[in-house]
């Protein structure tokens, strides 16, 4: 413990006052720095709260979309960075609702035919330019995919019939 001389002069009180003033200045600077830092921390916390809300909403939307997609639409997959539809095998999903609309239309047209149908006839029903061979190739690929998945039967002559 420090002893203070009994003879207090004006000089001794002034040096104590100067130290107190200097320390208060240091503390004021520190309080200002801490205030700025606290503001930055609070702003970052608010941003994190917002980001968390957004992520939760996106996860909820993804979950709802996934549930809806499983109930009605075919499964989607990514191949070479592109989204593609996977056509289920008939045994796995005997309900045609599992197929995309264009595949269901193809099935309806083939079933409505009097017998085996050619790709050209299905293309005409769909309103494709059947005179241009390149316009029928994507349709042929879809019909072949349906045959590969047991929705249709592809005959050796290249015509298709519906499986019952």
N, C-alpha and C. Protein backbone atom coordinates (compact mmCIF):
# COMPACT_ATOMS: atom_id res chain seq x y z
N UNK A 1 0.84 -1.18 0.00
CA UNK A 1 0.00 0.00 0.00
C UNK A 1 0.88 1.23 0.00
N UNK A 2 0.43 2.19 -0.76
CA UNK A 2 1.20 3.41 -0.91
C UNK A 2 0.85 4.41 0.18
N UNK A 3 1.86 5.04 0.64
CA UNK A 3 1.60 6.08 1.63
C UNK A 3 1.67 7.43 0.96
N UNK A 4 0.76 8.26 1.31
CA UNK A 4 0.67 9.59 0.73
C UNK A 4 1.28 10.57 1.73
N UNK A 5 2.17 11.44 1.24
CA UNK A 5 2.76 12.40 2.19
C UNK A 5 1.67 13.25 2.84
N UNK A 6 1.90 13.55 4.07
CA UNK A 6 0.90 14.30 4.81
C UNK A 6 0.80 15.72 4.33
N UNK A 7 1.85 16.16 3.75
CA UNK A 7 1.83 17.53 3.24
C UNK A 7 1.38 17.48 1.79
N UNK A 8 0.11 17.60 1.58
CA UNK A 8 -0.42 17.55 0.22
C UNK A 8 -0.28 18.91 -0.41
N UNK A 9 0.49 18.86 -1.42
CA UNK A 9 0.62 20.10 -2.15
C UNK A 9 -0.23 20.05 -3.38
N UNK A 10 -0.29 21.12 -4.04
CA UNK A 10 -1.10 21.19 -5.25
C UNK A 10 -0.54 20.30 -6.33
N UNK A 11 0.75 20.09 -6.40
CA UNK A 11 1.41 19.27 -7.41
C UNK A 11 1.06 17.81 -7.28
N UNK A 12 0.96 17.29 -6.04
CA UNK A 12 0.66 15.87 -5.84
C UNK A 12 -0.75 15.57 -6.30
N UNK A 13 -1.70 16.39 -6.03
CA UNK A 13 -3.09 16.19 -6.44
C UNK A 13 -3.25 16.29 -7.94
N UNK A 14 -2.44 17.15 -8.53
CA UNK A 14 -2.51 17.35 -9.97
C UNK A 14 -2.01 16.12 -10.71
N UNK A 15 -0.95 15.47 -10.25
CA UNK A 15 -0.44 14.29 -10.94
C UNK A 15 -1.43 13.14 -10.82
N UNK A 16 -2.10 12.99 -9.69
CA UNK A 16 -3.12 11.98 -9.52
C UNK A 16 -4.29 12.27 -10.46
N UNK A 17 -4.66 13.50 -10.55
CA UNK A 17 -5.75 13.90 -11.44
C UNK A 17 -5.37 13.65 -12.89
N UNK A 18 -4.12 13.88 -13.26
CA UNK A 18 -3.66 13.61 -14.62
C UNK A 18 -3.71 12.12 -14.93
N UNK A 19 -3.30 11.28 -13.97
CA UNK A 19 -3.36 9.84 -14.17
C UNK A 19 -4.81 9.36 -14.32
N UNK A 20 -5.67 9.88 -13.51
CA UNK A 20 -7.10 9.50 -13.61
C UNK A 20 -7.65 9.92 -14.96
N UNK A 21 -7.34 11.11 -15.38
CA UNK A 21 -7.82 11.62 -16.67
C UNK A 21 -7.27 10.78 -17.81
N UNK A 22 -6.00 10.42 -17.75
CA UNK A 22 -5.37 9.60 -18.79
C UNK A 22 -6.01 8.22 -18.83
N UNK A 23 -6.25 7.64 -17.63
CA UNK A 23 -6.87 6.31 -17.60
C UNK A 23 -8.30 6.38 -18.14
N UNK A 24 -9.03 7.42 -17.82
CA UNK A 24 -10.39 7.58 -18.34
C UNK A 24 -10.36 7.69 -19.86
N UNK A 25 -9.39 8.37 -20.41
CA UNK A 25 -9.24 8.49 -21.86
C UNK A 25 -8.97 7.13 -22.48
N UNK A 26 -8.07 6.35 -21.83
CA UNK A 26 -7.80 5.00 -22.32
C UNK A 26 -9.06 4.15 -22.31
N UNK A 27 -9.80 4.24 -21.22
CA UNK A 27 -11.03 3.46 -21.11
C UNK A 27 -12.09 3.92 -22.11
N UNK A 28 -12.14 5.22 -22.38
CA UNK A 28 -13.09 5.73 -23.38
C UNK A 28 -12.76 5.17 -24.77
N UNK A 29 -11.47 5.14 -25.11
CA UNK A 29 -11.04 4.59 -26.40
C UNK A 29 -11.38 3.10 -26.46
N UNK A 30 -11.09 2.37 -25.37
CA UNK A 30 -11.39 0.95 -25.31
C UNK A 30 -12.90 0.70 -25.43
N UNK A 31 -13.70 1.51 -24.74
CA UNK A 31 -15.15 1.36 -24.80
C UNK A 31 -15.66 1.62 -26.22
N UNK A 32 -15.08 2.60 -26.89
CA UNK A 32 -15.47 2.89 -28.27
C UNK A 32 -15.13 1.71 -29.19
N UNK A 33 -13.92 1.15 -29.03
CA UNK A 33 -13.51 -0.01 -29.84
C UNK A 33 -14.42 -1.21 -29.57
N UNK A 34 -14.70 -1.44 -28.28
CA UNK A 34 -15.57 -2.56 -27.92
C UNK A 34 -16.99 -2.35 -28.45
N UNK A 35 -17.46 -1.12 -28.44
CA UNK A 35 -18.78 -0.81 -28.97
C UNK A 35 -18.87 -1.11 -30.46
N UNK A 36 -17.82 -0.71 -31.20
CA UNK A 36 -17.79 -1.01 -32.64
C UNK A 36 -17.78 -2.52 -32.86
N UNK A 37 -16.94 -3.21 -32.10
CA UNK A 37 -16.82 -4.67 -32.26
C UNK A 37 -18.15 -5.35 -31.91
N UNK A 38 -18.81 -4.87 -30.85
CA UNK A 38 -20.10 -5.41 -30.45
C UNK A 38 -21.13 -5.20 -31.57
N UNK A 39 -21.11 -4.05 -32.20
CA UNK A 39 -22.01 -3.78 -33.33
C UNK A 39 -21.77 -4.75 -34.48
N UNK A 40 -20.49 -5.01 -34.76
CA UNK A 40 -20.16 -5.96 -35.83
C UNK A 40 -20.63 -7.36 -35.49
N UNK A 41 -20.44 -7.76 -34.24
CA UNK A 41 -20.86 -9.10 -33.80
C UNK A 41 -22.38 -9.22 -33.89
N UNK A 42 -23.09 -8.22 -33.44
CA UNK A 42 -24.56 -8.26 -33.50
C UNK A 42 -25.06 -8.30 -34.94
N UNK A 43 -24.43 -7.55 -35.83
CA UNK A 43 -24.82 -7.56 -37.25
C UNK A 43 -24.58 -8.95 -37.85
N UNK A 44 -23.46 -9.55 -37.52
CA UNK A 44 -23.17 -10.89 -38.05
C UNK A 44 -24.15 -11.92 -37.50
N UNK A 45 -24.49 -11.80 -36.22
CA UNK A 45 -25.48 -12.73 -35.63
C UNK A 45 -26.83 -12.59 -36.32
N UNK A 46 -27.25 -11.37 -36.63
CA UNK A 46 -28.51 -11.16 -37.35
C UNK A 46 -28.46 -11.80 -38.73
N UNK A 47 -27.33 -11.66 -39.42
CA UNK A 47 -27.18 -12.29 -40.73
C UNK A 47 -27.27 -13.80 -40.63
N UNK A 48 -26.67 -14.37 -39.60
CA UNK A 48 -26.72 -15.82 -39.41
C UNK A 48 -28.13 -16.30 -39.10
N UNK A 49 -28.87 -15.53 -38.34
CA UNK A 49 -30.27 -15.88 -38.05
C UNK A 49 -31.08 -15.89 -39.34
N UNK A 50 -30.87 -14.89 -40.18
CA UNK A 50 -31.58 -14.83 -41.47
C UNK A 50 -31.17 -16.00 -42.35
N UNK A 51 -29.87 -16.29 -42.43
CA UNK A 51 -29.39 -17.40 -43.25
C UNK A 51 -29.97 -18.72 -42.76
N UNK A 52 -30.06 -18.89 -41.45
CA UNK A 52 -30.62 -20.11 -40.89
C UNK A 52 -32.09 -20.25 -41.29
N UNK A 53 -32.84 -19.15 -41.21
CA UNK A 53 -34.26 -19.19 -41.61
C UNK A 53 -34.40 -19.56 -43.08
N UNK A 54 -33.57 -18.97 -43.93
CA UNK A 54 -33.63 -19.26 -45.36
C UNK A 54 -33.32 -20.73 -45.62
N UNK A 55 -32.28 -21.24 -45.00
CA UNK A 55 -31.92 -22.65 -45.19
C UNK A 55 -33.03 -23.58 -44.71
N UNK A 56 -33.65 -23.26 -43.59
CA UNK A 56 -34.74 -24.09 -43.09
C UNK A 56 -35.93 -24.07 -44.05
N UNK A 57 -36.24 -22.90 -44.59
CA UNK A 57 -37.34 -22.80 -45.57
C UNK A 57 -37.02 -23.59 -46.83
N UNK A 58 -35.79 -23.46 -47.32
CA UNK A 58 -35.40 -24.20 -48.52
C UNK A 58 -35.46 -25.71 -48.28
N UNK A 59 -35.00 -26.15 -47.11
CA UNK A 59 -35.05 -27.57 -46.79
C UNK A 59 -36.49 -28.04 -46.71
N UNK A 60 -37.35 -27.22 -46.14
CA UNK A 60 -38.77 -27.56 -46.04
C UNK A 60 -39.40 -27.64 -47.43
N UNK A 61 -39.08 -26.70 -48.30
CA UNK A 61 -39.59 -26.72 -49.67
C UNK A 61 -39.07 -27.94 -50.42
N UNK A 62 -37.78 -28.25 -50.28
CA UNK A 62 -37.21 -29.43 -50.93
C UNK A 62 -37.91 -30.69 -50.46
N UNK A 63 -38.16 -30.78 -49.16
CA UNK A 63 -38.82 -31.96 -48.61
C UNK A 63 -40.24 -32.08 -49.16
N UNK A 64 -40.97 -30.96 -49.21
CA UNK A 64 -42.33 -30.98 -49.73
C UNK A 64 -42.34 -31.34 -51.22
N UNK A 65 -41.39 -30.78 -51.98
CA UNK A 65 -41.32 -31.10 -53.41
C UNK A 65 -40.96 -32.57 -53.62
N UNK A 66 -40.06 -33.08 -52.79
CA UNK A 66 -39.67 -34.48 -52.92
C UNK A 66 -40.84 -35.40 -52.61
N UNK A 67 -41.60 -35.07 -51.57
CA UNK A 67 -42.77 -35.87 -51.23
C UNK A 67 -43.81 -35.82 -52.35
N UNK A 68 -44.01 -34.64 -52.92
CA UNK A 68 -44.97 -34.50 -54.01
C UNK A 68 -44.48 -35.23 -55.26
N UNK A 69 -43.19 -35.17 -55.52
CA UNK A 69 -42.63 -35.82 -56.71
C UNK A 69 -42.74 -37.33 -56.59
N UNK A 70 -42.51 -37.86 -55.40
CA UNK A 70 -42.59 -39.30 -55.21
C UNK A 70 -44.04 -39.76 -55.39
N UNK A 71 -44.97 -38.95 -54.94
CA UNK A 71 -46.38 -39.35 -55.00
C UNK A 71 -46.92 -39.33 -56.43
N UNK A 72 -46.44 -38.40 -57.27
CA UNK A 72 -47.06 -38.24 -58.58
C UNK A 72 -46.11 -38.42 -59.75
N UNK A 73 -44.96 -37.84 -59.68
CA UNK A 73 -44.10 -37.77 -60.85
C UNK A 73 -43.00 -38.83 -60.82
N UNK A 74 -42.37 -39.02 -61.96
CA UNK A 74 -41.26 -39.97 -62.02
C UNK A 74 -40.04 -39.44 -61.28
N UNK A 75 -39.13 -40.34 -61.01
CA UNK A 75 -37.91 -40.00 -60.29
C UNK A 75 -36.99 -39.22 -61.22
N UNK A 76 -36.34 -38.19 -60.68
CA UNK A 76 -35.38 -37.42 -61.46
C UNK A 76 -33.98 -37.76 -60.98
N UNK A 77 -33.07 -37.78 -61.93
CA UNK A 77 -31.67 -38.03 -61.61
C UNK A 77 -30.81 -37.06 -62.39
N UNK A 78 -29.54 -36.97 -62.02
CA UNK A 78 -28.62 -36.09 -62.73
C UNK A 78 -27.63 -36.97 -63.49
N UNK A 79 -27.55 -36.73 -64.78
CA UNK A 79 -26.61 -37.43 -65.63
C UNK A 79 -25.82 -36.37 -66.38
N UNK A 80 -24.51 -36.39 -66.21
CA UNK A 80 -23.63 -35.41 -66.86
C UNK A 80 -24.09 -33.98 -66.58
N UNK A 81 -24.56 -33.75 -65.35
CA UNK A 81 -24.96 -32.41 -64.94
C UNK A 81 -26.34 -31.99 -65.38
N UNK A 82 -27.07 -32.86 -66.11
CA UNK A 82 -28.42 -32.52 -66.57
C UNK A 82 -29.44 -33.35 -65.81
N UNK A 83 -30.60 -32.77 -65.56
CA UNK A 83 -31.68 -33.52 -64.93
C UNK A 83 -32.36 -34.37 -65.99
N UNK A 84 -32.51 -35.63 -65.70
CA UNK A 84 -33.19 -36.54 -66.62
C UNK A 84 -34.24 -37.31 -65.85
N UNK A 85 -35.29 -37.75 -66.55
CA UNK A 85 -36.34 -38.52 -65.92
C UNK A 85 -36.01 -40.00 -66.03
N UNK A 86 -36.19 -40.69 -64.96
CA UNK A 86 -36.02 -42.12 -64.98
C UNK A 86 -37.39 -42.75 -65.17
N UNK A 87 -37.51 -43.56 -66.18
CA UNK A 87 -38.76 -44.23 -66.46
C UNK A 87 -38.74 -45.53 -65.66
N UNK A 88 -39.69 -45.70 -64.74
CA UNK A 88 -39.66 -46.90 -63.90
C UNK A 88 -40.07 -48.15 -64.69
N UNK A 89 -39.62 -49.28 -64.24
CA UNK A 89 -40.05 -50.54 -64.80
C UNK A 89 -41.52 -50.74 -64.45
N UNK A 90 -42.23 -51.38 -65.33
CA UNK A 90 -43.65 -51.57 -65.13
C UNK A 90 -43.94 -52.36 -63.86
N UNK A 91 -43.12 -53.34 -63.54
CA UNK A 91 -43.32 -54.14 -62.35
C UNK A 91 -43.15 -53.34 -61.06
N UNK A 92 -42.27 -52.33 -61.08
CA UNK A 92 -42.02 -51.50 -59.90
C UNK A 92 -43.14 -50.49 -59.69
N UNK A 93 -43.69 -49.99 -60.78
CA UNK A 93 -44.74 -48.98 -60.70
C UNK A 93 -45.80 -49.28 -61.76
N UNK A 94 -46.71 -50.19 -61.47
CA UNK A 94 -47.69 -50.56 -62.49
C UNK A 94 -48.67 -49.44 -62.85
N UNK A 95 -48.67 -48.38 -62.07
CA UNK A 95 -49.56 -47.26 -62.34
C UNK A 95 -48.90 -46.32 -63.35
N UNK A 96 -49.62 -45.98 -64.40
CA UNK A 96 -49.07 -45.10 -65.43
C UNK A 96 -48.80 -43.70 -64.92
N UNK A 97 -49.37 -43.34 -63.79
CA UNK A 97 -49.13 -42.00 -63.22
C UNK A 97 -47.66 -41.79 -62.90
N UNK A 98 -46.90 -42.87 -62.80
CA UNK A 98 -45.47 -42.74 -62.51
C UNK A 98 -44.69 -42.27 -63.74
N UNK A 99 -45.35 -42.27 -64.89
CA UNK A 99 -44.69 -41.86 -66.14
C UNK A 99 -44.94 -40.38 -66.43
N UNK A 100 -44.00 -39.73 -67.11
CA UNK A 100 -44.23 -38.35 -67.55
C UNK A 100 -45.37 -38.31 -68.56
N UNK A 101 -45.96 -37.13 -68.74
CA UNK A 101 -47.12 -36.95 -69.62
C UNK A 101 -46.87 -37.45 -71.04
N UNK A 102 -45.71 -37.10 -71.62
CA UNK A 102 -45.48 -37.49 -73.01
C UNK A 102 -45.40 -39.01 -73.16
N UNK A 103 -44.89 -39.71 -72.17
CA UNK A 103 -44.84 -41.17 -72.22
C UNK A 103 -46.25 -41.76 -72.06
N UNK A 104 -47.07 -41.14 -71.22
CA UNK A 104 -48.46 -41.62 -71.07
C UNK A 104 -49.23 -41.44 -72.38
N UNK A 105 -48.98 -40.32 -73.08
CA UNK A 105 -49.65 -40.09 -74.38
C UNK A 105 -49.24 -41.17 -75.38
N UNK A 106 -47.97 -41.51 -75.39
CA UNK A 106 -47.49 -42.56 -76.30
C UNK A 106 -48.20 -43.88 -75.98
N UNK A 107 -48.31 -44.22 -74.70
CA UNK A 107 -48.99 -45.46 -74.32
C UNK A 107 -50.45 -45.46 -74.78
N UNK A 108 -51.14 -44.33 -74.60
CA UNK A 108 -52.55 -44.24 -75.02
C UNK A 108 -52.69 -44.45 -76.52
N UNK A 109 -51.79 -43.86 -77.28
CA UNK A 109 -51.85 -43.98 -78.75
C UNK A 109 -51.61 -45.42 -79.17
N UNK A 110 -50.61 -46.07 -78.57
CA UNK A 110 -50.31 -47.46 -78.93
C UNK A 110 -51.48 -48.36 -78.54
N UNK A 111 -52.08 -48.13 -77.39
CA UNK A 111 -53.23 -48.95 -76.96
C UNK A 111 -54.44 -48.74 -77.85
N UNK A 112 -54.59 -47.53 -78.35
CA UNK A 112 -55.74 -47.24 -79.21
C UNK A 112 -55.58 -47.84 -80.61
N UNK A 113 -54.38 -48.23 -80.97
CA UNK A 113 -54.14 -48.82 -82.29
C UNK A 113 -54.81 -50.18 -82.42
N UNK A 114 -55.15 -50.55 -83.67
CA UNK A 114 -55.82 -51.83 -83.93
C UNK A 114 -54.87 -53.00 -83.77
N UNK A 115 -53.61 -52.78 -83.82
CA UNK A 115 -52.60 -53.84 -83.71
C UNK A 115 -51.26 -53.19 -83.49
N UNK A 116 -50.20 -53.85 -83.91
CA UNK A 116 -48.87 -53.24 -83.77
C UNK A 116 -48.80 -51.91 -84.53
N UNK A 117 -48.20 -50.92 -83.92
CA UNK A 117 -48.12 -49.60 -84.55
C UNK A 117 -46.66 -49.25 -84.83
N UNK A 118 -46.49 -48.47 -85.90
CA UNK A 118 -45.16 -47.98 -86.25
C UNK A 118 -44.92 -46.65 -85.55
N UNK A 119 -43.66 -46.32 -85.41
CA UNK A 119 -43.29 -45.05 -84.80
C UNK A 119 -43.89 -43.90 -85.60
N UNK A 120 -43.91 -44.02 -86.90
CA UNK A 120 -44.46 -42.98 -87.77
C UNK A 120 -45.92 -42.69 -87.42
N UNK A 121 -46.72 -43.73 -87.18
CA UNK A 121 -48.15 -43.55 -86.86
C UNK A 121 -48.31 -42.82 -85.53
N UNK A 122 -47.48 -43.17 -84.56
CA UNK A 122 -47.54 -42.48 -83.27
C UNK A 122 -47.12 -41.02 -83.45
N UNK A 123 -46.09 -40.79 -84.26
CA UNK A 123 -45.64 -39.43 -84.53
C UNK A 123 -46.73 -38.59 -85.19
N UNK A 124 -47.48 -39.19 -86.12
CA UNK A 124 -48.59 -38.47 -86.76
C UNK A 124 -49.64 -38.07 -85.73
N UNK A 125 -49.97 -39.01 -84.83
CA UNK A 125 -50.95 -38.71 -83.78
C UNK A 125 -50.48 -37.58 -82.86
N UNK A 126 -49.18 -37.54 -82.63
CA UNK A 126 -48.62 -36.50 -81.76
C UNK A 126 -48.42 -35.18 -82.49
N UNK A 127 -48.61 -35.18 -83.81
CA UNK A 127 -48.46 -33.95 -84.58
C UNK A 127 -47.02 -33.64 -84.95
N UNK A 128 -46.17 -34.65 -85.00
CA UNK A 128 -44.77 -34.43 -85.39
C UNK A 128 -44.64 -34.40 -86.91
N UNK A 129 -43.56 -33.80 -87.39
CA UNK A 129 -43.27 -33.79 -88.82
C UNK A 129 -42.67 -35.15 -89.17
N UNK A 130 -43.53 -36.08 -89.60
CA UNK A 130 -43.07 -37.45 -89.84
C UNK A 130 -42.25 -37.58 -91.11
N UNK A 131 -42.34 -36.60 -92.00
CA UNK A 131 -41.56 -36.65 -93.24
C UNK A 131 -40.07 -36.45 -92.96
N UNK A 132 -39.75 -35.80 -91.86
CA UNK A 132 -38.37 -35.56 -91.48
C UNK A 132 -37.94 -36.66 -90.50
N UNK A 133 -37.02 -37.51 -90.94
CA UNK A 133 -36.63 -38.67 -90.14
C UNK A 133 -36.09 -38.26 -88.76
N UNK A 134 -35.35 -37.21 -88.71
CA UNK A 134 -34.76 -36.76 -87.45
C UNK A 134 -35.80 -36.41 -86.40
N UNK A 135 -37.00 -36.08 -86.83
CA UNK A 135 -38.07 -35.73 -85.88
C UNK A 135 -38.63 -36.97 -85.21
N UNK A 136 -38.47 -38.13 -85.83
CA UNK A 136 -39.02 -39.37 -85.27
C UNK A 136 -38.04 -40.08 -84.33
N UNK A 137 -36.77 -39.79 -84.45
CA UNK A 137 -35.78 -40.50 -83.64
C UNK A 137 -35.97 -40.31 -82.13
N UNK A 138 -36.23 -39.09 -81.66
CA UNK A 138 -36.49 -38.96 -80.21
C UNK A 138 -37.72 -39.76 -79.77
N UNK A 139 -38.74 -39.80 -80.63
CA UNK A 139 -39.94 -40.58 -80.33
C UNK A 139 -39.60 -42.07 -80.30
N UNK A 140 -38.82 -42.52 -81.26
CA UNK A 140 -38.41 -43.93 -81.29
C UNK A 140 -37.64 -44.28 -80.02
N UNK A 141 -36.78 -43.37 -79.56
CA UNK A 141 -36.01 -43.62 -78.33
C UNK A 141 -36.94 -43.73 -77.12
N UNK A 142 -37.95 -42.89 -77.06
CA UNK A 142 -38.90 -42.97 -75.95
C UNK A 142 -39.69 -44.27 -75.98
N UNK A 143 -40.11 -44.66 -77.17
CA UNK A 143 -40.88 -45.90 -77.28
C UNK A 143 -40.00 -47.11 -76.95
N UNK A 144 -38.75 -47.07 -77.36
CA UNK A 144 -37.82 -48.15 -77.03
C UNK A 144 -37.59 -48.20 -75.53
N UNK A 145 -37.48 -47.04 -74.91
CA UNK A 145 -37.29 -46.99 -73.46
C UNK A 145 -38.50 -47.60 -72.76
N UNK A 146 -39.70 -47.28 -73.26
CA UNK A 146 -40.91 -47.88 -72.69
C UNK A 146 -40.91 -49.40 -72.88
N UNK A 147 -40.42 -49.86 -74.02
CA UNK A 147 -40.33 -51.30 -74.26
C UNK A 147 -39.28 -51.93 -73.33
N UNK A 148 -38.17 -51.25 -73.12
CA UNK A 148 -37.13 -51.76 -72.23
C UNK A 148 -37.64 -51.89 -70.79
N UNK A 149 -38.60 -51.03 -70.43
CA UNK A 149 -39.15 -51.03 -69.07
C UNK A 149 -40.45 -51.83 -68.98
N UNK A 150 -40.78 -52.60 -70.01
CA UNK A 150 -41.95 -53.48 -70.06
C UNK A 150 -43.30 -52.75 -70.12
N UNK A 151 -43.31 -51.51 -70.53
CA UNK A 151 -44.58 -50.82 -70.74
C UNK A 151 -45.12 -51.16 -72.13
N UNK A 152 -44.22 -51.33 -73.08
CA UNK A 152 -44.57 -51.70 -74.45
C UNK A 152 -43.80 -52.96 -74.83
N UNK A 153 -44.23 -53.55 -75.95
CA UNK A 153 -43.48 -54.69 -76.51
C UNK A 153 -43.00 -54.26 -77.89
N UNK A 154 -41.69 -54.37 -78.11
CA UNK A 154 -41.12 -54.02 -79.41
C UNK A 154 -40.97 -55.31 -80.21
N UNK A 155 -41.64 -55.35 -81.34
CA UNK A 155 -41.60 -56.53 -82.20
C UNK A 155 -40.34 -56.51 -83.07
N UNK A 156 -39.93 -57.65 -83.59
CA UNK A 156 -38.73 -57.71 -84.43
C UNK A 156 -38.83 -56.82 -85.68
N UNK A 157 -40.05 -56.56 -86.15
CA UNK A 157 -40.20 -55.71 -87.34
C UNK A 157 -40.16 -54.21 -87.00
N UNK A 158 -39.91 -53.87 -85.71
CA UNK A 158 -39.78 -52.46 -85.31
C UNK A 158 -41.08 -51.82 -84.88
N UNK A 159 -42.18 -52.55 -84.95
CA UNK A 159 -43.46 -51.99 -84.50
C UNK A 159 -43.66 -52.29 -83.02
N UNK A 160 -44.60 -51.56 -82.41
CA UNK A 160 -44.81 -51.66 -80.98
C UNK A 160 -46.25 -52.07 -80.67
N UNK A 161 -46.40 -52.83 -79.60
CA UNK A 161 -47.73 -53.17 -79.09
C UNK A 161 -47.73 -52.87 -77.60
N UNK A 162 -48.93 -52.69 -77.07
CA UNK A 162 -49.07 -52.39 -75.64
C UNK A 162 -49.10 -53.67 -74.84
N UNK A 163 -48.50 -53.67 -73.71
CA UNK A 163 -48.58 -54.81 -72.80
C UNK A 163 -49.83 -54.62 -71.95
N UNK A 164 -50.53 -55.68 -71.74
CA UNK A 164 -51.78 -55.60 -70.96
C UNK A 164 -51.56 -55.94 -69.53
